[in-house]
C-alpha atoms as a PDB file:
ATOM      1  CA  UNK A   1    -137.973-140.596 -91.676  1.00  0.00           C
ATOM      2  CA  UNK A   2    -140.651-140.615 -88.983  1.00  0.00           C
ATOM      3  CA  UNK A   3    -142.911-143.258 -87.530  1.00  0.00           C
ATOM      4  CA  UNK A   4    -146.483-142.742 -86.542  1.00  0.00           C
ATOM      5  CA  UNK A   5    -146.334-144.335 -83.169  1.00  0.00           C
ATOM      6  CA  UNK A   6    -142.742-144.090 -81.943  1.00  0.00           C
ATOM      7  CA  UNK A   7    -141.632-146.365 -79.090  1.00  0.00           C
ATOM      8  CA  UNK A   8    -139.253-145.545 -76.353  1.00  0.00           C
ATOM      9  CA  UNK A   9    -136.122-147.644 -76.695  1.00  0.00           C
ATOM     10  CA  UNK A  10    -133.230-147.840 -74.120  1.00  0.00           C
ATOM     11  CA  UNK A  11    -130.098-149.092 -75.774  1.00  0.00           C
ATOM     12  CA  UNK A  12    -126.951-149.961 -73.821  1.00  0.00           C
ATOM     13  CA  UNK A  13    -123.298-149.813 -75.082  1.00  0.00           C
ATOM     14  CA  UNK A  14    -123.877-147.210 -77.782  1.00  0.00           C
ATOM     15  CA  UNK A  15    -120.348-145.780 -78.080  1.00  0.00           C
ATOM     16  CA  UNK A  16    -119.248-148.073 -80.991  1.00  0.00           C
ATOM     17  CA  UNK A  17    -120.329-151.019 -83.073  1.00  0.00           C
ATOM     18  CA  UNK A  18    -123.687-152.596 -82.848  1.00  0.00           C
ATOM     19  CA  UNK A  19    -125.026-150.352 -80.099  1.00  0.00           C
ATOM     20  CA  UNK A  20    -124.207-147.116 -82.076  1.00  0.00           C
ATOM     21  CA  UNK A  21    -125.660-148.587 -85.253  1.00  0.00           C
ATOM     22  CA  UNK A  22    -128.821-149.633 -83.506  1.00  0.00           C
ATOM     23  CA  UNK A  23    -129.262-146.151 -81.875  1.00  0.00           C
ATOM     24  CA  UNK A  24    -128.630-144.364 -85.205  1.00  0.00           C
ATOM     25  CA  UNK A  25    -131.107-146.564 -87.091  1.00  0.00           C
ATOM     26  CA  UNK A  26    -133.756-146.029 -84.452  1.00  0.00           C
ATOM     27  CA  UNK A  27    -133.335-142.362 -84.402  1.00  0.00           C
ATOM     28  CA  UNK A  28    -133.430-142.155 -88.182  1.00  0.00           C
ATOM     29  CA  UNK A  29    -136.654-144.196 -88.105  1.00  0.00           C
ATOM     30  CA  UNK A  30    -138.268-141.587 -85.810  1.00  0.00           C
ATOM     31  CA  UNK A  31    -138.147-143.604 -82.626  1.00  0.00           C
ATOM     32  CA  UNK A  32    -137.439-142.142 -79.110  1.00  0.00           C
ATOM     33  CA  UNK A  33    -134.104-143.499 -77.991  1.00  0.00           C
ATOM     34  CA  UNK A  34    -132.330-143.384 -74.584  1.00  0.00           C
ATOM     35  CA  UNK A  35    -128.749-143.650 -75.737  1.00  0.00           C
ATOM     36  CA  UNK A  36    -126.306-144.832 -73.202  1.00  0.00           C
ATOM     37  CA  UNK A  37    -122.564-145.441 -72.799  1.00  0.00           C
ATOM     38  CA  UNK A  38    -119.943-145.344 -70.147  1.00  0.00           C
ATOM     39  CA  UNK A  39    -118.514-142.130 -71.697  1.00  0.00           C
ATOM     40  CA  UNK A  40    -121.175-139.817 -73.060  1.00  0.00           C
ATOM     41  CA  UNK A  41    -118.682-137.821 -75.099  1.00  0.00           C
ATOM     42  CA  UNK A  42    -118.637-140.657 -77.574  1.00  0.00           C
ATOM     43  CA  UNK A  43    -122.390-140.531 -78.109  1.00  0.00           C
ATOM     44  CA  UNK A  44    -123.108-136.824 -77.618  1.00  0.00           C
ATOM     45  CA  UNK A  45    -123.460-136.286 -81.442  1.00  0.00           C
ATOM     46  CA  UNK A  46    -126.410-138.658 -81.604  1.00  0.00           C
ATOM     47  CA  UNK A  47    -128.599-136.044 -79.813  1.00  0.00           C
ATOM     48  CA  UNK A  48    -128.620-134.198 -83.176  1.00  0.00           C
ATOM     49  CA  UNK A  49    -130.079-137.137 -85.007  1.00  0.00           C
ATOM     50  CA  UNK A  50    -133.462-137.235 -83.472  1.00  0.00           C
ATOM     51  CA  UNK A  51    -135.372-137.594 -80.154  1.00  0.00           C
ATOM     52  CA  UNK A  52    -132.493-138.774 -78.044  1.00  0.00           C
ATOM     53  CA  UNK A  53    -131.795-138.756 -74.366  1.00  0.00           C
ATOM     54  CA  UNK A  54    -128.018-139.158 -73.775  1.00  0.00           C
ATOM     55  CA  UNK A  55    -127.070-140.774 -70.504  1.00  0.00           C
ATOM     56  CA  UNK A  56    -123.914-142.232 -68.891  1.00  0.00           C
ATOM     57  CA  UNK A  57    -124.256-145.877 -67.996  1.00  0.00           C
ATOM     58  CA  UNK A  58    -121.913-148.614 -66.872  1.00  0.00           C
ATOM     59  CA  UNK A  59    -124.193-151.703 -66.911  1.00  0.00           C
ATOM     60  CA  UNK A  60    -122.009-153.464 -64.242  1.00  0.00           C
ATOM     61  CA  UNK A  61    -123.252-150.863 -61.767  1.00  0.00           C
ATOM     62  CA  UNK A  62    -126.829-151.712 -60.839  1.00  0.00           C
ATOM     63  CA  UNK A  63    -127.524-148.360 -59.116  1.00  0.00           C
ATOM     64  CA  UNK A  64    -126.450-146.601 -62.419  1.00  0.00           C
ATOM     65  CA  UNK A  65    -128.904-148.808 -64.317  1.00  0.00           C
ATOM     66  CA  UNK A  66    -131.673-147.685 -62.103  1.00  0.00           C
ATOM     67  CA  UNK A  67    -130.725-143.975 -62.423  1.00  0.00           C
ATOM     68  CA  UNK A  68    -130.771-144.341 -66.342  1.00  0.00           C
ATOM     69  CA  UNK A  69    -134.270-146.060 -66.172  1.00  0.00           C
ATOM     70  CA  UNK A  70    -135.587-143.282 -63.774  1.00  0.00           C
ATOM     71  CA  UNK A  71    -134.195-140.602 -66.136  1.00  0.00           C
ATOM     72  CA  UNK A  72    -135.832-142.292 -69.079  1.00  0.00           C
ATOM     73  CA  UNK A  73    -139.221-142.518 -67.285  1.00  0.00           C
ATOM     74  CA  UNK A  74    -138.947-138.763 -66.321  1.00  0.00           C
ATOM     75  CA  UNK A  75    -138.377-137.855 -69.926  1.00  0.00           C
ATOM     76  CA  UNK A  76    -140.687-140.146 -71.736  1.00  0.00           C
ATOM     77  CA  UNK A  77    -142.950-141.647 -69.132  1.00  0.00           C
ATOM     78  CA  UNK A  78    -142.202-145.261 -70.211  1.00  0.00           C
ATOM     79  CA  UNK A  79    -139.748-147.684 -71.763  1.00  0.00           C
ATOM     80  CA  UNK A  80    -141.196-149.814 -74.416  1.00  0.00           C
ATOM     81  CA  UNK A  81    -138.041-151.754 -75.518  1.00  0.00           C
ATOM     82  CA  UNK A  82    -134.789-152.552 -73.678  1.00  0.00           C
ATOM     83  CA  UNK A  83    -131.902-153.598 -75.956  1.00  0.00           C
ATOM     84  CA  UNK A  84    -129.073-155.085 -73.832  1.00  0.00           C
ATOM     85  CA  UNK A  85    -126.186-154.675 -76.203  1.00  0.00           C
ATOM     86  CA  UNK A  86    -123.308-153.648 -73.920  1.00  0.00           C
ATOM     87  CA  UNK A  87    -120.609-156.273 -73.696  1.00  0.00           C
ATOM     88  CA  UNK A  88    -116.856-157.059 -73.846  1.00  0.00           C
ATOM     89  CA  UNK A  89    -114.819-159.832 -75.338  1.00  0.00           C
ATOM     90  CA  UNK A  90    -111.743-161.827 -74.388  1.00  0.00           C
ATOM     91  CA  UNK A  91    -109.519-164.131 -76.326  1.00  0.00           C
ATOM     92  CA  UNK A  92    -107.817-167.114 -74.781  1.00  0.00           C
ATOM     93  CA  UNK A  93    -108.161-170.855 -74.095  1.00  0.00           C
ATOM     94  CA  UNK A  94    -110.143-171.657 -70.992  1.00  0.00           C
ATOM     95  CA  UNK A  95    -107.021-172.870 -69.065  1.00  0.00           C
ATOM     96  CA  UNK A  96    -105.138-169.800 -70.172  1.00  0.00           C
ATOM     97  CA  UNK A  97    -107.787-167.313 -68.890  1.00  0.00           C
ATOM     98  CA  UNK A  98    -107.198-165.951 -65.465  1.00  0.00           C
ATOM     99  CA  UNK A  99    -109.925-165.783 -62.869  1.00  0.00           C
ATOM    100  CA  UNK A 100    -110.079-161.963 -62.824  1.00  0.00           C
ATOM    101  CA  UNK A 101    -110.561-161.793 -66.555  1.00  0.00           C
ATOM    102  CA  UNK A 102    -113.273-164.446 -66.506  1.00  0.00           C
ATOM    103  CA  UNK A 103    -115.125-162.583 -63.693  1.00  0.00           C
ATOM    104  CA  UNK A 104    -114.878-159.300 -65.515  1.00  0.00           C
ATOM    105  CA  UNK A 105    -116.611-160.901 -68.454  1.00  0.00           C
ATOM    106  CA  UNK A 106    -119.449-162.095 -66.333  1.00  0.00           C
ATOM    107  CA  UNK A 107    -119.683-158.783 -64.589  1.00  0.00           C
ATOM    108  CA  UNK A 108    -120.318-156.943 -67.763  1.00  0.00           C
ATOM    109  CA  UNK A 109    -121.839-159.480 -70.167  1.00  0.00           C
ATOM    110  CA  UNK A 110    -124.040-161.455 -67.752  1.00  0.00           C
ATOM    111  CA  UNK A 111    -124.660-159.336 -64.597  1.00  0.00           C
ATOM    112  CA  UNK A 112    -124.698-156.099 -66.609  1.00  0.00           C
ATOM    113  CA  UNK A 113    -127.569-157.527 -68.754  1.00  0.00           C
ATOM    114  CA  UNK A 114    -129.243-158.682 -65.551  1.00  0.00           C
ATOM    115  CA  UNK A 115    -128.886-155.235 -63.939  1.00  0.00           C
ATOM    116  CA  UNK A 116    -130.685-153.510 -66.821  1.00  0.00           C
ATOM    117  CA  UNK A 117    -133.441-156.152 -66.812  1.00  0.00           C
ATOM    118  CA  UNK A 118    -133.986-155.692 -63.108  1.00  0.00           C
ATOM    119  CA  UNK A 119    -134.288-151.842 -63.569  1.00  0.00           C
ATOM    120  CA  UNK A 120    -136.832-151.905 -66.421  1.00  0.00           C
ATOM    121  CA  UNK A 121    -139.099-154.802 -65.291  1.00  0.00           C
ATOM    122  CA  UNK A 122    -141.171-152.845 -62.715  1.00  0.00           C
ATOM    123  CA  UNK A 123    -142.055-150.283 -65.437  1.00  0.00           C
ATOM    124  CA  UNK A 124    -142.925-152.875 -67.975  1.00  0.00           C
ATOM    125  CA  UNK A 125    -144.892-154.904 -65.400  1.00  0.00           C
ATOM    126  CA  UNK A 126    -146.901-151.863 -64.297  1.00  0.00           C
ATOM    127  CA  UNK A 127    -147.909-151.195 -67.966  1.00  0.00           C
ATOM    128  CA  UNK A 128    -148.411-154.919 -68.868  1.00  0.00           C
ATOM    129  CA  UNK A 129    -146.242-154.411 -71.951  1.00  0.00           C
ATOM    130  CA  UNK A 130    -142.755-154.222 -73.141  1.00  0.00           C
ATOM    131  CA  UNK A 131    -139.967-156.034 -75.048  1.00  0.00           C
ATOM    132  CA  UNK A 132    -136.534-157.045 -73.671  1.00  0.00           C
ATOM    133  CA  UNK A 133    -133.901-157.786 -76.379  1.00  0.00           C
ATOM    134  CA  UNK A 134    -130.734-159.482 -75.174  1.00  0.00           C
ATOM    135  CA  UNK A 135    -127.857-159.416 -77.710  1.00  0.00           C
ATOM    136  CA  UNK A 136    -125.948-162.653 -77.053  1.00  0.00           C
ATOM    137  CA  UNK A 137    -123.893-164.189 -79.809  1.00  0.00           C
ATOM    138  CA  UNK A 138    -124.018-167.273 -81.930  1.00  0.00           C
ATOM    139  CA  UNK A 139    -121.405-168.072 -79.322  1.00  0.00           C
ATOM    140  CA  UNK A 140    -124.285-168.248 -76.865  1.00  0.00           C
ATOM    141  CA  UNK A 141    -125.621-171.243 -78.753  1.00  0.00           C
ATOM    142  CA  UNK A 142    -122.384-172.858 -79.941  1.00  0.00           C
ATOM    143  CA  UNK A 143    -119.058-173.030 -78.221  1.00  0.00           C
ATOM    144  CA  UNK A 144    -116.035-171.732 -80.116  1.00  0.00           C
ATOM    145  CA  UNK A 145    -112.306-172.223 -79.376  1.00  0.00           C
ATOM    146  CA  UNK A 146    -110.397-169.297 -78.010  1.00  0.00           C
ATOM    147  CA  UNK A 147    -113.459-167.628 -76.539  1.00  0.00           C
ATOM    148  CA  UNK A 148    -114.601-170.132 -74.047  1.00  0.00           C
ATOM    149  CA  UNK A 149    -115.399-167.779 -71.054  1.00  0.00           C
ATOM    150  CA  UNK A 150    -117.004-165.261 -73.497  1.00  0.00           C
ATOM    151  CA  UNK A 151    -119.287-168.006 -74.771  1.00  0.00           C
ATOM    152  CA  UNK A 152    -120.056-169.010 -71.214  1.00  0.00           C
ATOM    153  CA  UNK A 153    -121.371-165.536 -70.483  1.00  0.00           C
ATOM    154  CA  UNK A 154    -123.483-165.601 -73.546  1.00  0.00           C
ATOM    155  CA  UNK A 155    -124.846-169.113 -72.815  1.00  0.00           C
ATOM    156  CA  UNK A 156    -125.713-167.726 -69.463  1.00  0.00           C
ATOM    157  CA  UNK A 157    -127.668-164.875 -70.897  1.00  0.00           C
ATOM    158  CA  UNK A 158    -129.574-167.358 -73.174  1.00  0.00           C
ATOM    159  CA  UNK A 159    -130.553-169.408 -70.132  1.00  0.00           C
ATOM    160  CA  UNK A 160    -131.649-166.405 -68.199  1.00  0.00           C
ATOM    161  CA  UNK A 161    -133.707-165.246 -71.211  1.00  0.00           C
ATOM    162  CA  UNK A 162    -135.384-168.626 -71.657  1.00  0.00           C
ATOM    163  CA  UNK A 163    -136.608-168.538 -68.012  1.00  0.00           C
ATOM    164  CA  UNK A 164    -137.365-164.892 -68.079  1.00  0.00           C
ATOM    165  CA  UNK A 165    -139.549-165.371 -71.202  1.00  0.00           C
ATOM    166  CA  UNK A 166    -141.711-167.854 -69.331  1.00  0.00           C
ATOM    167  CA  UNK A 167    -142.068-165.646 -66.260  1.00  0.00           C
ATOM    168  CA  UNK A 168    -142.989-162.409 -67.929  1.00  0.00           C
ATOM    169  CA  UNK A 169    -145.042-163.638 -70.935  1.00  0.00           C
ATOM    170  CA  UNK A 170    -148.290-163.725 -68.886  1.00  0.00           C
ATOM    171  CA  UNK A 171    -147.565-160.066 -67.906  1.00  0.00           C
ATOM    172  CA  UNK A 172    -147.485-158.944 -71.467  1.00  0.00           C
ATOM    173  CA  UNK A 173    -143.758-158.730 -71.836  1.00  0.00           C
ATOM    174  CA  UNK A 174    -141.772-160.434 -74.531  1.00  0.00           C
ATOM    175  CA  UNK A 175    -138.121-161.530 -74.443  1.00  0.00           C
ATOM    176  CA  UNK A 176    -135.937-162.003 -77.627  1.00  0.00           C
ATOM    177  CA  UNK A 177    -132.386-163.049 -77.882  1.00  0.00           C
ATOM    178  CA  UNK A 178    -130.258-161.961 -80.830  1.00  0.00           C
ATOM    179  CA  UNK A 179    -127.310-164.126 -81.829  1.00  0.00           C
ATOM    180  CA  UNK A 180    -125.051-162.375 -84.236  1.00  0.00           C
ATOM    181  CA  UNK A 181    -122.193-164.080 -86.042  1.00  0.00           C
ATOM    182  CA  UNK A 182    -119.075-162.011 -86.985  1.00  0.00           C
ATOM    183  CA  UNK A 183    -120.022-158.433 -87.894  1.00  0.00           C
ATOM    184  CA  UNK A 184    -117.880-155.555 -89.011  1.00  0.00           C
ATOM    185  CA  UNK A 185    -117.553-153.854 -85.608  1.00  0.00           C
ATOM    186  CA  UNK A 186    -114.669-152.967 -83.325  1.00  0.00           C
ATOM    187  CA  UNK A 187    -115.370-156.047 -81.089  1.00  0.00           C
ATOM    188  CA  UNK A 188    -112.521-158.339 -82.384  1.00  0.00           C
ATOM    189  CA  UNK A 189    -109.993-155.523 -82.437  1.00  0.00           C
ATOM    190  CA  UNK A 190    -110.873-154.120 -79.058  1.00  0.00           C
ATOM    191  CA  UNK A 191    -111.201-157.403 -77.109  1.00  0.00           C
ATOM    192  CA  UNK A 192    -108.559-158.200 -74.447  1.00  0.00           C
ATOM    193  CA  UNK A 193    -106.568-161.444 -74.586  1.00  0.00           C
ATOM    194  CA  UNK A 194    -104.226-163.646 -72.509  1.00  0.00           C
ATOM    195  CA  UNK A 195    -100.764-162.448 -71.857  1.00  0.00           C
ATOM    196  CA  UNK A 196     -99.266-165.831 -71.191  1.00  0.00           C
ATOM    197  CA  UNK A 197    -100.360-168.508 -73.757  1.00  0.00           C
ATOM    198  CA  UNK A 198     -99.817-172.212 -73.574  1.00  0.00           C
ATOM    199  CA  UNK A 199     -98.111-173.925 -76.450  1.00  0.00           C
ATOM    200  CA  UNK A 200    -100.441-176.932 -76.359  1.00  0.00           C
ATOM    201  CA  UNK A 201    -103.308-174.661 -77.455  1.00  0.00           C
ATOM    202  CA  UNK A 202    -101.455-173.004 -80.373  1.00  0.00           C
ATOM    203  CA  UNK A 203    -103.459-174.933 -82.951  1.00  0.00           C
ATOM    204  CA  UNK A 204    -106.824-174.444 -81.424  1.00  0.00           C
ATOM    205  CA  UNK A 205    -107.361-171.350 -79.243  1.00  0.00           C
ATOM    206  CA  UNK A 206    -104.165-169.760 -80.594  1.00  0.00           C
ATOM    207  CA  UNK A 207    -105.240-170.192 -84.193  1.00  0.00           C
ATOM    208  CA  UNK A 208    -108.628-168.845 -83.385  1.00  0.00           C
ATOM    209  CA  UNK A 209    -107.090-165.786 -81.753  1.00  0.00           C
ATOM    210  CA  UNK A 210    -105.021-165.078 -84.809  1.00  0.00           C
ATOM    211  CA  UNK A 211    -108.119-165.527 -87.125  1.00  0.00           C
ATOM    212  CA  UNK A 212    -110.126-163.078 -85.019  1.00  0.00           C
ATOM    213  CA  UNK A 213    -107.421-160.468 -85.388  1.00  0.00           C
ATOM    214  CA  UNK A 214    -107.113-161.071 -89.083  1.00  0.00           C
ATOM    215  CA  UNK A 215    -110.854-160.765 -89.579  1.00  0.00           C
ATOM    216  CA  UNK A 216    -111.090-157.158 -88.424  1.00  0.00           C
ATOM    217  CA  UNK A 217    -112.639-155.076 -91.208  1.00  0.00           C
ATOM    218  CA  UNK A 218    -113.505-158.124 -93.283  1.00  0.00           C
ATOM    219  CA  UNK A 219    -116.333-159.743 -91.298  1.00  0.00           C
ATOM    220  CA  UNK A 220    -119.376-160.583 -93.386  1.00  0.00           C
ATOM    221  CA  UNK A 221    -121.945-159.001 -91.090  1.00  0.00           C
ATOM    222  CA  UNK A 222    -123.128-155.395 -91.797  1.00  0.00           C
ATOM    223  CA  UNK A 223    -124.056-153.790 -88.445  1.00  0.00           C
ATOM    224  CA  UNK A 224    -126.334-151.249 -90.183  1.00  0.00           C
ATOM    225  CA  UNK A 225    -128.275-154.082 -91.731  1.00  0.00           C
ATOM    226  CA  UNK A 226    -128.254-155.983 -88.442  1.00  0.00           C
ATOM    227  CA  UNK A 227    -129.739-152.955 -86.644  1.00  0.00           C
ATOM    228  CA  UNK A 228    -132.518-152.641 -89.167  1.00  0.00           C
ATOM    229  CA  UNK A 229    -133.257-156.465 -88.785  1.00  0.00           C
ATOM    230  CA  UNK A 230    -133.474-156.098 -85.021  1.00  0.00           C
ATOM    231  CA  UNK A 231    -135.964-153.321 -85.213  1.00  0.00           C
ATOM    232  CA  UNK A 232    -138.009-155.125 -87.900  1.00  0.00           C
ATOM    233  CA  UNK A 233    -138.103-158.246 -85.613  1.00  0.00           C
ATOM    234  CA  UNK A 234    -139.163-156.282 -82.465  1.00  0.00           C
ATOM    235  CA  UNK A 235    -142.011-154.587 -84.418  1.00  0.00           C
ATOM    236  CA  UNK A 236    -143.287-157.817 -85.998  1.00  0.00           C
ATOM    237  CA  UNK A 237    -146.803-158.877 -85.021  1.00  0.00           C
ATOM    238  CA  UNK A 238    -145.244-162.053 -83.542  1.00  0.00           C
ATOM    239  CA  UNK A 239    -141.557-161.420 -82.736  1.00  0.00           C
ATOM    240  CA  UNK A 240    -139.139-164.279 -82.808  1.00  0.00           C
ATOM    241  CA  UNK A 241    -137.841-165.714 -79.517  1.00  0.00           C
ATOM    242  CA  UNK A 242    -134.345-166.162 -81.170  1.00  0.00           C
ATOM    243  CA  UNK A 243    -132.873-164.121 -84.017  1.00  0.00           C
ATOM    244  CA  UNK A 244    -129.611-165.548 -85.351  1.00  0.00           C
ATOM    245  CA  UNK A 245    -128.131-162.701 -87.212  1.00  0.00           C
ATOM    246  CA  UNK A 246    -125.999-163.216 -90.375  1.00  0.00           C
ATOM    247  CA  UNK A 247    -125.579-166.276 -92.710  1.00  0.00           C
ATOM    248  CA  UNK A 248    -122.922-167.898 -90.435  1.00  0.00           C
ATOM    249  CA  UNK A 249    -125.190-167.481 -87.395  1.00  0.00           C
ATOM    250  CA  UNK A 250    -128.158-169.071 -89.147  1.00  0.00           C
ATOM    251  CA  UNK A 251    -126.038-171.934 -90.415  1.00  0.00           C
ATOM    252  CA  UNK A 252    -124.373-172.615 -87.123  1.00  0.00           C
ATOM    253  CA  UNK A 253    -127.674-172.557 -85.224  1.00  0.00           C
ATOM    254  CA  UNK A 254    -129.363-174.997 -87.684  1.00  0.00           C
ATOM    255  CA  UNK A 255    -126.305-177.313 -87.494  1.00  0.00           C
ATOM    256  CA  UNK A 256    -126.363-177.228 -83.634  1.00  0.00           C
ATOM    257  CA  UNK A 257    -130.145-178.000 -83.610  1.00  0.00           C
ATOM    258  CA  UNK A 258    -129.603-181.023 -85.976  1.00  0.00           C
ATOM    259  CA  UNK A 259    -126.614-182.264 -83.973  1.00  0.00           C
ATOM    260  CA  UNK A 260    -128.450-181.919 -80.692  1.00  0.00           C
ATOM    261  CA  UNK A 261    -131.544-183.820 -82.128  1.00  0.00           C
ATOM    262  CA  UNK A 262    -129.347-186.603 -83.583  1.00  0.00           C
ATOM    263  CA  UNK A 263    -127.384-187.060 -80.305  1.00  0.00           C
ATOM    264  CA  UNK A 264    -130.614-187.222 -78.142  1.00  0.00           C
ATOM    265  CA  UNK A 265    -132.163-189.742 -80.493  1.00  0.00           C
ATOM    266  CA  UNK A 266    -129.059-191.895 -80.604  1.00  0.00           C
ATOM    267  CA  UNK A 267    -128.906-192.146 -76.835  1.00  0.00           C
ATOM    268  CA  UNK A 268    -132.629-191.895 -76.117  1.00  0.00           C
ATOM    269  CA  UNK A 269    -133.054-195.422 -74.794  1.00  0.00           C
ATOM    270  CA  UNK A 270    -130.205-194.945 -72.290  1.00  0.00           C
ATOM    271  CA  UNK A 271    -131.471-191.567 -71.294  1.00  0.00           C
ATOM    272  CA  UNK A 272    -134.927-192.910 -70.567  1.00  0.00           C
ATOM    273  CA  UNK A 273    -133.586-195.806 -68.538  1.00  0.00           C
ATOM    274  CA  UNK A 274    -132.503-193.644 -65.751  1.00  0.00           C
ATOM    275  CA  UNK A 275    -135.964-193.113 -64.288  1.00  0.00           C
ATOM    276  CA  UNK A 276    -137.650-195.283 -61.753  1.00  0.00           C
ATOM    277  CA  UNK A 277    -139.681-197.987 -63.697  1.00  0.00           C
ATOM    278  CA  UNK A 278    -143.317-197.072 -64.229  1.00  0.00           C
ATOM    279  CA  UNK A 279    -145.568-198.661 -61.573  1.00  0.00           C
END
């Protein structure tokens, strides 16, 4: 397959899962793809699938992000779409999670996303066009037991994206967040978890942790279909600001919106009473 006007896409975290499926789909569709991962031996084969530039990239290293963007510019002259996919998971109740593990999550999931954004924005601003796609999670809109700090990183990316969207829209740049539910990738099986659990959380975070492990290979989401949906959304005449991905994600997002609205309406009078009286 080929596309008449291929875009240049930079995709992070392509060694496995969503990132690899996204890169494969884009290449099969005839797009130009900067395929990145910490270890390039895991993505070297993608060079045979189309117009691909294979680059090493640890998103937690801002200097490496800049080098990847510079290499992409040297090869293609521009970057039309950044897909921030790289991320890691961690299972554990909030109290069970040690600071070093929490900080590692933020280094990769939040600051890694920010590093890539900082690297591409000067190019996109100079051309007054571009799209930034940040893969968060339905856990970036709804908190789930057993993955509290992971959700916190994704909520943080959602907040960053909301502000960035307002800042760069006048410059011709769009920002989309993608919120997948459980997809059949290696995420649940490869995520780290707490070593010392607390018995009081056995029925909440502990049960969630067991459920995540049991779900491997059985998740409802199809990453190949998800990759196709992401490209379709990016290329739409009016791309969505948010794209919950999967039935569970759509259901959870709608439920959260309804609950938030109901809560605000129920307490609206008290909320409004906190301002100085109108003169």
